[in-house]
Amino acid sequence: MAGLSEAALERFVRRACRAAGVKGAVDVLVTTSRELQALNNRYRKRNKATDVLSFPPMPGLRGELAGDVAISAEIAKRSARQLGHSVAQEIKILALHGILHLAGYDHENDRGQMARKETQLRTLFSLPNGLIERSAPAENWKDQQGSGLYAADRQARRQSGEARPERSRRGVRPTPTQ
């Protein structure tokens, strides 16, 4: 990816894993939307492309391997262009989101715990808005804005004149048994 070498992504993933409390190696695959669609269909029974998927390690490999993260380069490029930041930043946002799933977070069921952690880590890594807030349903957006969780993102959007980002497709940690 332009602006993000394999070595730079590897360094970011190691830092993100440490910050998220993930122990063990995380392999990141940046690939095509077609491949993400195939993985999403195989493991989640959703026959559509998505931006990021996380796969926990198979039993017996825990400890040495924390899991795998797969990212669609095409969706990352499109999202970066739409949101006005670099593809490198978008790949890091997606990798961070996947790593948080490997750490055990589940934004669909954790009452904002993953959103708060993702916001904290995005701030630490100087990354723009993340998947959870940009994919929040419109009825929850007002609640999130009032909560102060996304104040920095709100302020940046106001200053740039940007409206709420469009809903993004996102991956949820699949398991081989799904």
Protein backbone atom coordinates (compact mmCIF):
# COMPACT_ATOMS: atom_id res chain seq x y z
CA MET A 1 0.00 0.00 0.00
CA ALA A 2 1.25 3.46 -0.81
CA GLY A 3 2.67 5.12 2.28
CA LEU A 4 2.71 1.95 4.38
CA SER A 5 5.47 -0.60 4.01
CA GLU A 6 5.21 -4.13 5.31
CA ALA A 7 7.78 -3.26 8.01
CA ALA A 8 5.83 -0.15 9.09
CA LEU A 9 2.59 -2.14 9.31
CA GLU A 10 4.38 -4.83 11.32
CA ARG A 11 5.70 -2.20 13.78
CA PHE A 12 2.23 -0.68 14.11
CA VAL A 13 0.63 -4.09 14.73
CA ARG A 14 3.16 -4.89 17.47
CA ARG A 15 2.52 -1.52 19.17
CA ALA A 16 -1.25 -1.91 18.84
CA CYS A 17 -1.12 -5.43 20.27
CA ARG A 18 0.87 -4.24 23.28
CA ALA A 19 -1.54 -1.35 23.85
CA ALA A 20 -4.59 -3.65 23.52
CA GLY A 21 -3.12 -6.34 25.77
CA VAL A 22 -2.91 -8.93 23.00
CA LYS A 23 -0.27 -11.57 23.62
CA GLY A 24 1.13 -13.62 20.77
CA ALA A 25 1.68 -12.95 17.10
CA VAL A 26 -0.96 -11.38 14.90
CA ASP A 27 -0.75 -12.05 11.18
CA VAL A 28 -2.27 -9.36 8.97
CA LEU A 29 -3.34 -10.06 5.41
CA VAL A 30 -4.08 -7.07 3.19
CA THR A 31 -5.90 -8.51 0.21
CA THR A 32 -8.75 -8.05 -2.25
CA SER A 33 -12.42 -7.49 -1.56
CA ARG A 34 -13.10 -10.76 -3.38
CA GLU A 35 -10.96 -12.63 -0.83
CA LEU A 36 -12.68 -10.87 2.10
CA GLN A 37 -16.04 -11.76 0.61
CA ALA A 38 -15.00 -15.43 0.37
CA LEU A 39 -13.77 -15.42 3.98
CA ASN A 40 -16.88 -13.61 5.19
CA ASN A 41 -19.09 -16.12 3.39
CA ARG A 42 -17.13 -19.14 4.64
CA TYR A 43 -16.88 -18.16 8.31
CA ARG A 44 -19.82 -15.83 8.86
CA LYS A 45 -22.26 -17.00 6.16
CA ARG A 46 -22.45 -13.43 4.84
CA ASN A 47 -21.76 -13.43 1.12
CA LYS A 48 -20.51 -9.87 0.82
CA ALA A 49 -17.22 -8.06 0.99
CA THR A 50 -16.28 -6.35 4.23
CA ASP A 51 -13.39 -4.16 5.28
CA VAL A 52 -11.87 -6.22 8.10
CA LEU A 53 -12.25 -9.67 9.63
CA SER A 54 -10.53 -11.11 12.70
CA PHE A 55 -9.87 -14.77 13.31
CA PRO A 56 -8.90 -16.05 16.75
CA PRO A 57 -6.29 -18.81 16.84
CA MET A 58 -7.29 -22.42 16.64
CA PRO A 59 -7.28 -24.25 19.96
CA GLY A 60 -3.78 -25.41 20.79
CA LEU A 61 -2.14 -22.40 19.14
CA ARG A 62 -3.21 -19.85 21.74
CA GLY A 63 -0.27 -18.16 23.37
CA GLU A 64 2.11 -18.19 20.45
CA LEU A 65 -0.52 -16.90 18.00
CA ALA A 66 -3.13 -14.31 18.96
CA GLY A 67 -4.94 -14.63 15.65
CA ASP A 68 -5.25 -13.28 12.14
CA VAL A 69 -6.66 -10.07 10.71
CA ALA A 70 -7.71 -9.79 7.06
CA ILE A 71 -8.19 -6.36 5.46
CA SER A 72 -9.64 -5.41 2.09
CA ALA A 73 -7.21 -3.05 0.35
CA GLU A 74 -9.94 -1.92 -2.05
CA ILE A 75 -12.40 -0.98 0.68
CA ALA A 76 -9.60 0.68 2.66
CA LYS A 77 -8.70 2.82 -0.37
CA ARG A 78 -12.33 3.79 -0.97
CA SER A 79 -12.95 4.62 2.71
CA ALA A 80 -9.76 6.67 2.97
CA ARG A 81 -10.74 8.68 -0.08
CA GLN A 82 -14.30 9.25 1.20
CA LEU A 83 -13.13 10.20 4.69
CA GLY A 84 -10.22 12.36 3.60
CA HIS A 85 -7.29 10.56 5.16
CA SER A 86 -4.50 8.37 3.84
CA VAL A 87 -4.81 4.73 2.89
CA ALA A 88 -2.03 4.00 5.38
CA GLN A 89 -4.13 5.50 8.19
CA GLU A 90 -7.16 3.50 7.09
CA ILE A 91 -5.19 0.24 7.06
CA LYS A 92 -4.00 1.04 10.61
CA ILE A 93 -7.57 1.83 11.72
CA LEU A 94 -8.76 -1.49 10.32
CA ALA A 95 -5.84 -3.41 11.83
CA LEU A 96 -6.49 -1.80 15.23
CA HIS A 97 -10.18 -2.72 15.02
CA GLY A 98 -9.30 -6.32 14.19
CA ILE A 99 -6.72 -6.47 17.01
CA LEU A 100 -9.32 -5.27 19.51
CA HIS A 101 -11.57 -8.14 18.44
CA LEU A 102 -8.65 -10.52 19.02
CA ALA A 103 -8.31 -8.97 22.49
CA GLY A 104 -11.87 -10.13 23.19
CA TYR A 105 -13.81 -6.92 22.54
CA ASP A 106 -17.17 -7.13 20.78
CA HIS A 107 -18.75 -3.77 19.92
CA GLU A 108 -22.07 -5.39 19.11
CA ASN A 109 -22.56 -6.62 22.68
CA ASP A 110 -20.26 -4.73 25.07
CA ARG A 111 -22.17 -1.51 25.78
CA GLY A 112 -19.48 0.75 24.36
CA GLN A 113 -16.43 -0.85 25.97
CA MET A 114 -14.73 -1.55 22.62
CA ALA A 115 -15.68 1.91 21.31
CA ARG A 116 -14.02 3.55 24.31
CA LYS A 117 -10.88 1.42 23.95
CA GLU A 118 -10.71 2.03 20.20
CA THR A 119 -11.05 5.78 20.76
CA GLN A 120 -8.32 5.71 23.41
CA LEU A 121 -5.94 3.80 21.14
CA ARG A 122 -6.73 5.85 18.05
CA THR A 123 -5.81 8.93 20.07
CA LEU A 124 -2.60 7.26 21.22
CA PHE A 125 -1.68 6.43 17.61
CA SER A 126 -2.95 9.76 16.18
CA LEU A 127 -5.48 8.04 13.92
CA PRO A 128 -8.73 9.59 12.62
CA ASN A 129 -12.22 8.31 13.41
CA GLY A 130 -12.65 4.58 13.69
CA LEU A 131 -15.07 1.98 12.47
CA ILE A 132 -17.40 1.89 15.44
CA GLU A 133 -18.36 5.55 15.43
CA ARG A 134 -18.59 5.82 11.66
CA SER A 135 -20.80 2.74 11.50
CA ALA A 136 -23.08 3.69 14.40
CA PRO A 137 -26.75 3.77 13.45
CA ALA A 138 -28.10 7.29 13.05
CA GLU A 139 -30.30 6.97 16.16
CA ASN A 140 -27.22 6.24 18.30
CA TRP A 141 -25.06 8.95 16.75
CA LYS A 142 -26.72 11.69 18.79
CA ASP A 143 -26.22 9.68 21.99
CA GLN A 144 -22.55 9.13 21.16
CA GLN A 145 -22.04 12.80 20.42
CA GLY A 146 -23.57 13.73 23.77
CA SER A 147 -21.44 11.21 25.63
CA GLY A 148 -18.17 12.95 24.82
CA LEU A 149 -16.66 9.70 23.53
CA TYR A 150 -16.05 11.14 20.13
CA ALA A 151 -15.52 14.81 20.97
CA ALA A 152 -12.21 15.06 19.10
CA ASP A 153 -13.72 13.52 15.97
CA ARG A 154 -16.77 15.78 16.23
CA GLN A 155 -14.60 18.85 16.59
CA ALA A 156 -12.40 17.87 13.62
CA ARG A 157 -15.48 17.26 11.45
CA ARG A 158 -16.98 20.60 12.47
CA GLN A 159 -13.75 22.44 11.64
CA SER A 160 -13.46 20.75 8.27
CA GLY A 161 -17.16 21.13 7.47
CA GLU A 162 -17.47 17.35 7.15
CA ALA A 163 -20.82 15.79 7.95
CA ARG A 164 -21.24 12.46 9.68
CA PRO A 165 -19.35 9.80 7.69
CA GLU A 166 -21.38 7.30 5.74
CA ARG A 167 -22.13 3.94 7.28
CA SER A 168 -19.20 1.60 6.76
CA ARG A 169 -19.24 -2.15 6.42
CA ARG A 170 -17.32 -3.76 9.22
CA GLY A 171 -16.16 -7.20 10.21
CA VAL A 172 -16.98 -9.00 13.38
CA ARG A 173 -14.74 -11.67 14.76
CA PRO A 174 -15.77 -14.95 13.13
CA THR A 175 -14.98 -18.30 14.60
CA PRO A 176 -14.43 -21.51 12.66
CA THR A 177 -17.51 -22.99 14.34
CA GLN A 178 -19.87 -20.32 12.99
